[in-house]
């Protein structure tokens, strides 16, 4: 997930508009976009709020995912066995 967020950031830096989408478009893709926003200087709460404004109030409703933003996806991957 962290790598996907970095790739999305690189695309933005190159002037591209990346599309980040998972099955429903609420949690996994929201996590990638939120991490990209955190990498660009937003706080986790600001990033979650922005994703919810742009996608849906139901986006990132998985509390474990939102806590990953605070912990850091690379650390969370080690703790819960996520695919880094």
Protein backbone atom coordinates (compact mmCIF):
# COMPACT_ATOMS: atom_id res chain seq x y z
CA UNK A 1 0.00 0.00 0.00
CA UNK A 2 2.85 2.37 0.84
CA UNK A 3 4.40 1.72 -2.57
CA UNK A 4 1.09 2.43 -4.28
CA UNK A 5 0.80 5.71 -2.39
CA UNK A 6 4.31 6.66 -3.50
CA UNK A 7 3.54 5.81 -7.13
CA UNK A 8 0.38 7.94 -6.96
CA UNK A 9 2.48 10.80 -5.55
CA UNK A 10 5.05 10.41 -8.32
CA UNK A 11 2.26 10.52 -10.89
CA UNK A 12 0.93 13.73 -9.33
CA UNK A 13 4.42 15.23 -9.33
CA UNK A 14 4.67 14.41 -13.04
CA UNK A 15 1.45 16.27 -13.78
CA UNK A 16 -0.63 13.13 -14.21
CA UNK A 17 -3.98 12.38 -12.60
CA UNK A 18 -3.74 8.90 -11.06
CA UNK A 19 -6.81 6.72 -10.65
CA UNK A 20 -6.78 4.70 -7.44
CA UNK A 21 -9.59 2.20 -7.21
CA UNK A 22 -10.38 -1.00 -5.33
CA UNK A 23 -13.49 -3.18 -5.45
CA UNK A 24 -15.84 -0.73 -3.72
CA UNK A 25 -13.61 2.33 -3.69
CA UNK A 26 -13.98 3.06 0.00
CA UNK A 27 -11.29 1.52 2.19
CA UNK A 28 -8.28 0.12 0.35
CA UNK A 29 -8.19 2.80 -2.33
CA UNK A 30 -9.07 5.42 0.29
CA UNK A 31 -6.12 4.25 2.35
CA UNK A 32 -3.74 4.59 -0.60
CA UNK A 33 -5.01 8.09 -1.41
CA UNK A 34 -4.95 9.15 2.24
CA UNK A 35 -1.38 7.88 2.62
CA UNK A 36 -0.40 9.84 -0.48
CA UNK A 37 -1.90 12.95 1.14
CA UNK A 38 -0.06 12.25 4.41
CA UNK A 39 3.17 11.86 2.43
CA UNK A 40 2.45 15.31 0.98
CA UNK A 41 2.14 16.93 4.42
CA UNK A 42 -1.45 16.49 5.61
CA UNK A 43 -2.16 15.00 9.01
CA UNK A 44 -3.91 11.62 9.02
CA UNK A 45 -7.15 13.29 10.17
CA UNK A 46 -6.93 15.89 7.41
CA UNK A 47 -6.24 13.20 4.82
CA UNK A 48 -9.20 11.08 5.95
CA UNK A 49 -11.48 14.14 5.91
CA UNK A 50 -10.34 15.05 2.40
CA UNK A 51 -10.90 11.50 1.11
CA UNK A 52 -14.37 11.46 2.66
CA UNK A 53 -15.22 14.85 1.13
CA UNK A 54 -14.05 13.72 -2.28
CA UNK A 55 -15.41 10.17 -2.29
CA UNK A 56 -18.12 9.62 0.31
CA UNK A 57 -18.70 10.04 4.04
CA UNK A 58 -18.44 6.24 4.20
CA UNK A 59 -14.93 6.16 2.77
CA UNK A 60 -12.28 4.91 5.19
CA UNK A 61 -14.84 3.70 7.69
CA UNK A 62 -12.54 0.82 8.61
CA UNK A 63 -10.98 2.02 11.87
CA UNK A 64 -7.99 -0.29 11.48
CA UNK A 65 -7.16 1.36 8.17
CA UNK A 66 -7.39 4.86 9.58
CA UNK A 67 -5.13 3.84 12.46
CA UNK A 68 -2.58 2.61 9.88
CA UNK A 69 -2.21 6.21 8.72
CA UNK A 70 -1.15 7.28 12.20
CA UNK A 71 1.14 4.31 12.71
CA UNK A 72 2.54 4.43 9.20
CA UNK A 73 1.78 1.83 6.55
CA UNK A 74 5.29 0.39 6.64
CA UNK A 75 5.07 -0.20 10.42
CA UNK A 76 1.47 -1.43 10.19
CA UNK A 77 2.55 -3.93 7.52
CA UNK A 78 5.07 -5.40 9.92
CA UNK A 79 2.57 -5.56 12.76
CA UNK A 80 -0.33 -7.17 10.91
CA UNK A 81 1.40 -8.93 8.04
CA UNK A 82 0.18 -6.64 5.27
CA UNK A 83 1.79 -6.98 1.89
CA UNK A 84 4.18 -3.99 1.86
